[in-house]
Amino acid sequence: FPNETIDFSRGEIRSGVAKKTWNRSISLERDLYNLLVLKFGEVFVHAQKPFDNYRGRVDFFIYCKNYKFGIDIFFADNFHSLVGCVNTKQKIYKNVNFDVIFLSSNPAIKQESIDQFLKNKSNELRYNIKVLDLESFRVFLNKLEAITFDTIS
């Protein structure tokens, strides 16, 4: 078996996976940024906002009327991967003092599955962290009101 790949953490296969993942993440973040700017305005959408003494960064931080929150968008290939992503992010965001949405961008993973996982999770998420699929996130966004310049003064 001389041509059989036994180590998927290096070489051409790993390089291909990394390139695919990078391109998808850039596209997902760009699309989300455009959606957020359309809803809230460019001034109120902050990309890569640091927190926890600059050790962590949310992908986006949004200021809207009477509310502010962060978004960490990710793509899990499958449900098992989603569990790992959420558990890893939970550690990163353990001390965050603002609301955060972990946004699952794989349309094949539905909110019902996410909710069931969270219900059975032994190490519960903090009160200020939610995990949403894209559809639930759109519903959430529709409930928020953008800041207008006449309300700033």
C-alpha atoms as a PDB file:
ATOM      1  CA  PHE A   1       0.000   0.000   0.000  1.00  0.00           C
ATOM      2  CA  PRO A   2       2.730   2.507  -0.859  1.00  0.00           C
ATOM      3  CA  ASN A   3       0.389   5.265  -2.116  1.00  0.00           C
ATOM      4  CA  GLU A   4      -2.124   5.005   0.736  1.00  0.00           C
ATOM      5  CA  THR A   5      -2.391   8.102   2.933  1.00  0.00           C
ATOM      6  CA  ILE A   6      -2.162   7.267   6.612  1.00  0.00           C
ATOM      7  CA  ASP A   7      -1.683  10.756   8.076  1.00  0.00           C
ATOM      8  CA  PHE A   8      -4.453  13.224   7.251  1.00  0.00           C
ATOM      9  CA  SER A   9      -2.927  15.988   9.402  1.00  0.00           C
ATOM     10  CA  ARG A  10      -0.233  16.887   6.828  1.00  0.00           C
ATOM     11  CA  GLY A  11       0.478  16.966   3.163  1.00  0.00           C
ATOM     12  CA  GLU A  12      -1.781  17.437   0.156  1.00  0.00           C
ATOM     13  CA  ILE A  13      -4.948  16.136   1.791  1.00  0.00           C
ATOM     14  CA  ARG A  14      -4.583  18.455   4.799  1.00  0.00           C
ATOM     15  CA  SER A  15      -3.714  21.346   2.520  1.00  0.00           C
ATOM     16  CA  GLY A  16      -6.841  20.717   0.446  1.00  0.00           C
ATOM     17  CA  VAL A  17      -9.070  20.581   3.525  1.00  0.00           C
ATOM     18  CA  ALA A  18      -7.520  23.770   4.910  1.00  0.00           C
ATOM     19  CA  LYS A  19      -8.038  25.632   1.624  1.00  0.00           C
ATOM     20  CA  LYS A  20     -11.669  24.504   1.380  1.00  0.00           C
ATOM     21  CA  THR A  21     -12.331  25.457   5.012  1.00  0.00           C
ATOM     22  CA  TRP A  22     -10.637  28.851   4.639  1.00  0.00           C
ATOM     23  CA  ASN A  23     -12.569  29.732   1.487  1.00  0.00           C
ATOM     24  CA  ARG A  24     -15.868  28.696   3.070  1.00  0.00           C
ATOM     25  CA  SER A  25     -15.205  30.704   6.241  1.00  0.00           C
ATOM     26  CA  ILE A  26     -14.295  33.826   4.257  1.00  0.00           C
ATOM     27  CA  SER A  27     -17.479  33.495   2.226  1.00  0.00           C
ATOM     28  CA  LEU A  28     -19.673  32.874   5.287  1.00  0.00           C
ATOM     29  CA  GLU A  29     -18.219  35.836   7.175  1.00  0.00           C
ATOM     30  CA  ARG A  30     -18.575  38.123   4.145  1.00  0.00           C
ATOM     31  CA  ASP A  31     -22.229  37.109   3.655  1.00  0.00           C
ATOM     32  CA  LEU A  32     -22.997  37.569   7.353  1.00  0.00           C
ATOM     33  CA  TYR A  33     -21.248  40.943   7.400  1.00  0.00           C
ATOM     34  CA  ASN A  34     -23.339  42.125   4.439  1.00  0.00           C
ATOM     35  CA  LEU A  35     -26.549  40.928   6.141  1.00  0.00           C
ATOM     36  CA  LEU A  36     -25.635  42.683   9.397  1.00  0.00           C
ATOM     37  CA  VAL A  37     -24.679  45.941   7.666  1.00  0.00           C
ATOM     38  CA  LEU A  38     -27.935  45.885   5.732  1.00  0.00           C
ATOM     39  CA  LYS A  39     -29.889  45.484   8.985  1.00  0.00           C
ATOM     40  CA  PHE A  40     -27.906  47.695  11.393  1.00  0.00           C
ATOM     41  CA  GLY A  41     -25.670  49.948   9.308  1.00  0.00           C
ATOM     42  CA  GLU A  42     -21.917  49.752   8.843  1.00  0.00           C
ATOM     43  CA  VAL A  43     -21.135  51.997  11.815  1.00  0.00           C
ATOM     44  CA  PHE A  44     -22.826  49.565  14.217  1.00  0.00           C
ATOM     45  CA  VAL A  45     -21.210  46.340  12.951  1.00  0.00           C
ATOM     46  CA  HIS A  46     -17.702  45.687  14.278  1.00  0.00           C
ATOM     47  CA  ALA A  47     -15.655  42.838  12.818  1.00  0.00           C
ATOM     48  CA  GLN A  48     -13.092  40.930  14.903  1.00  0.00           C
ATOM     49  CA  LYS A  49     -13.825  42.762  18.155  1.00  0.00           C
ATOM     50  CA  PRO A  50     -11.416  41.676  20.911  1.00  0.00           C
ATOM     51  CA  PHE A  51     -12.515  40.704  24.428  1.00  0.00           C
ATOM     52  CA  ASP A  52     -10.970  39.247  27.580  1.00  0.00           C
ATOM     53  CA  ASN A  53      -7.867  41.475  27.436  1.00  0.00           C
ATOM     54  CA  TYR A  54      -7.432  40.772  23.709  1.00  0.00           C
ATOM     55  CA  ARG A  55      -7.082  37.001  24.183  1.00  0.00           C
ATOM     56  CA  GLY A  56     -10.311  36.336  22.300  1.00  0.00           C
ATOM     57  CA  ARG A  57     -12.204  37.900  19.411  1.00  0.00           C
ATOM     58  CA  VAL A  58     -15.809  37.658  18.317  1.00  0.00           C
ATOM     59  CA  ASP A  59     -16.297  37.572  14.567  1.00  0.00           C
ATOM     60  CA  PHE A  60     -18.794  40.424  14.858  1.00  0.00           C
ATOM     61  CA  PHE A  61     -20.019  42.735  17.580  1.00  0.00           C
ATOM     62  CA  ILE A  62     -23.315  44.488  16.939  1.00  0.00           C
ATOM     63  CA  TYR A  63     -24.731  47.614  18.500  1.00  0.00           C
ATOM     64  CA  CYS A  64     -28.474  47.941  18.075  1.00  0.00           C
ATOM     65  CA  LYS A  65     -31.211  49.842  19.854  1.00  0.00           C
ATOM     66  CA  ASN A  66     -31.130  48.962  23.567  1.00  0.00           C
ATOM     67  CA  TYR A  67     -28.939  45.894  23.005  1.00  0.00           C
ATOM     68  CA  LYS A  68     -25.453  44.773  21.993  1.00  0.00           C
ATOM     69  CA  PHE A  69     -24.124  41.288  21.280  1.00  0.00           C
ATOM     70  CA  GLY A  70     -21.339  39.293  19.688  1.00  0.00           C
ATOM     71  CA  ILE A  71     -21.487  36.616  17.003  1.00  0.00           C
ATOM     72  CA  ASP A  72     -19.107  33.715  16.490  1.00  0.00           C
ATOM     73  CA  ILE A  73     -19.988  32.039  13.200  1.00  0.00           C
ATOM     74  CA  PHE A  74     -18.794  28.523  12.422  1.00  0.00           C
ATOM     75  CA  PHE A  75     -19.465  25.648  10.047  1.00  0.00           C
ATOM     76  CA  ALA A  76     -19.632  22.140  11.475  1.00  0.00           C
ATOM     77  CA  ASP A  77     -19.628  19.383   8.841  1.00  0.00           C
ATOM     78  CA  ASN A  78     -21.933  17.230  10.954  1.00  0.00           C
ATOM     79  CA  PHE A  79     -23.648  17.093  14.325  1.00  0.00           C
ATOM     80  CA  HIS A  80     -20.681  15.432  16.042  1.00  0.00           C
ATOM     81  CA  SER A  81     -18.466  18.252  14.809  1.00  0.00           C
ATOM     82  CA  LEU A  82     -20.991  20.831  16.081  1.00  0.00           C
ATOM     83  CA  VAL A  83     -20.750  19.351  19.580  1.00  0.00           C
ATOM     84  CA  GLY A  84     -16.962  19.698  19.493  1.00  0.00           C
ATOM     85  CA  CYS A  85     -17.157  23.265  18.154  1.00  0.00           C
ATOM     86  CA  VAL A  86     -19.602  24.374  20.854  1.00  0.00           C
ATOM     87  CA  ASN A  87     -17.571  22.739  23.628  1.00  0.00           C
ATOM     88  CA  THR A  88     -14.374  24.412  22.395  1.00  0.00           C
ATOM     89  CA  LYS A  89     -16.056  27.804  22.051  1.00  0.00           C
ATOM     90  CA  GLN A  90     -17.576  27.430  25.524  1.00  0.00           C
ATOM     91  CA  LYS A  91     -14.057  27.403  26.975  1.00  0.00           C
ATOM     92  CA  ILE A  92     -12.978  30.426  24.946  1.00  0.00           C
ATOM     93  CA  TYR A  93     -16.011  32.471  26.001  1.00  0.00           C
ATOM     94  CA  LYS A  94     -16.165  31.357  29.647  1.00  0.00           C
ATOM     95  CA  ASN A  95     -15.555  34.865  31.034  1.00  0.00           C
ATOM     96  CA  VAL A  96     -17.275  37.010  28.423  1.00  0.00           C
ATOM     97  CA  ASN A  97     -19.571  39.651  29.940  1.00  0.00           C
ATOM     98  CA  PHE A  98     -21.845  40.322  26.953  1.00  0.00           C
ATOM     99  CA  ASP A  99     -24.340  38.214  25.026  1.00  0.00           C
ATOM    100  CA  VAL A 100     -22.835  35.924  22.388  1.00  0.00           C
ATOM    101  CA  ILE A 101     -24.418  33.870  19.647  1.00  0.00           C
ATOM    102  CA  PHE A 102     -22.595  30.824  18.366  1.00  0.00           C
ATOM    103  CA  LEU A 103     -24.005  30.775  14.838  1.00  0.00           C
ATOM    104  CA  SER A 104     -24.043  27.356  13.199  1.00  0.00           C
ATOM    105  CA  SER A 105     -23.963  27.989   9.460  1.00  0.00           C
ATOM    106  CA  ASN A 106     -24.480  24.435   8.194  1.00  0.00           C
ATOM    107  CA  PRO A 107     -28.094  24.412   6.919  1.00  0.00           C
ATOM    108  CA  ALA A 108     -28.260  20.636   7.428  1.00  0.00           C
ATOM    109  CA  ILE A 109     -28.000  21.059  11.222  1.00  0.00           C
ATOM    110  CA  LYS A 110     -31.357  22.317  12.468  1.00  0.00           C
ATOM    111  CA  GLN A 111     -32.234  24.224  15.632  1.00  0.00           C
ATOM    112  CA  GLU A 112     -34.199  21.271  17.037  1.00  0.00           C
ATOM    113  CA  SER A 113     -31.023  19.147  17.075  1.00  0.00           C
ATOM    114  CA  ILE A 114     -29.030  21.987  18.598  1.00  0.00           C
ATOM    115  CA  ASP A 115     -31.640  22.529  21.316  1.00  0.00           C
ATOM    116  CA  GLN A 116     -31.706  18.819  22.149  1.00  0.00           C
ATOM    117  CA  PHE A 117     -27.922  18.774  22.461  1.00  0.00           C
ATOM    118  CA  LEU A 118     -27.972  21.828  24.736  1.00  0.00           C
ATOM    119  CA  LYS A 119     -30.750  20.329  26.867  1.00  0.00           C
ATOM    120  CA  ASN A 120     -28.702  17.173  27.471  1.00  0.00           C
ATOM    121  CA  LYS A 121     -25.363  18.949  27.841  1.00  0.00           C
ATOM    122  CA  SER A 122     -23.868  18.257  31.286  1.00  0.00           C
ATOM    123  CA  ASN A 123     -21.695  21.391  31.258  1.00  0.00           C
ATOM    124  CA  GLU A 124     -24.354  24.000  30.506  1.00  0.00           C
ATOM    125  CA  LEU A 125     -23.605  27.135  28.548  1.00  0.00           C
ATOM    126  CA  ARG A 126     -23.559  30.401  30.468  1.00  0.00           C
ATOM    127  CA  TYR A 127     -26.798  32.400  30.522  1.00  0.00           C
ATOM    128  CA  ASN A 128     -25.435  34.901  27.992  1.00  0.00           C
ATOM    129  CA  ILE A 129     -24.511  32.384  25.279  1.00  0.00           C
ATOM    130  CA  LYS A 130     -26.933  31.002  22.694  1.00  0.00           C
ATOM    131  CA  VAL A 131     -26.391  28.553  19.846  1.00  0.00           C
ATOM    132  CA  LEU A 132     -28.534  29.249  16.798  1.00  0.00           C
ATOM    133  CA  ASP A 133     -28.903  27.856  13.305  1.00  0.00           C
ATOM    134  CA  LEU A 134     -29.248  30.272  10.381  1.00  0.00           C
ATOM    135  CA  GLU A 135     -33.034  30.175  10.319  1.00  0.00           C
ATOM    136  CA  SER A 136     -33.364  30.899  14.052  1.00  0.00           C
ATOM    137  CA  PHE A 137     -30.764  33.628  13.734  1.00  0.00           C
ATOM    138  CA  ARG A 138     -32.827  35.377  11.047  1.00  0.00           C
ATOM    139  CA  VAL A 139     -35.872  35.258  13.342  1.00  0.00           C
ATOM    140  CA  PHE A 140     -33.731  36.696  16.154  1.00  0.00           C
ATOM    141  CA  LEU A 141     -32.474  39.504  13.901  1.00  0.00           C
ATOM    142  CA  ASN A 142     -36.001  40.437  12.871  1.00  0.00           C
ATOM    143  CA  LYS A 143     -36.831  41.174  16.520  1.00  0.00           C
ATOM    144  CA  LEU A 144     -33.994  43.681  16.867  1.00  0.00           C
ATOM    145  CA  GLU A 145     -34.185  47.345  16.012  1.00  0.00           C
ATOM    146  CA  ALA A 146     -31.348  49.260  14.410  1.00  0.00           C
ATOM    147  CA  ILE A 147     -30.026  52.438  15.955  1.00  0.00           C
ATOM    148  CA  THR A 148     -30.882  55.515  13.965  1.00  0.00           C
ATOM    149  CA  PHE A 149     -28.822  58.658  14.143  1.00  0.00           C
ATOM    150  CA  ASP A 150     -31.754  60.628  15.555  1.00  0.00           C
ATOM    151  CA  THR A 151     -31.816  58.238  18.572  1.00  0.00           C
ATOM    152  CA  ILE A 152     -28.102  58.685  19.366  1.00  0.00           C
ATOM    153  CA  SER A 153     -28.251  62.267  20.706  1.00  0.00           C
END
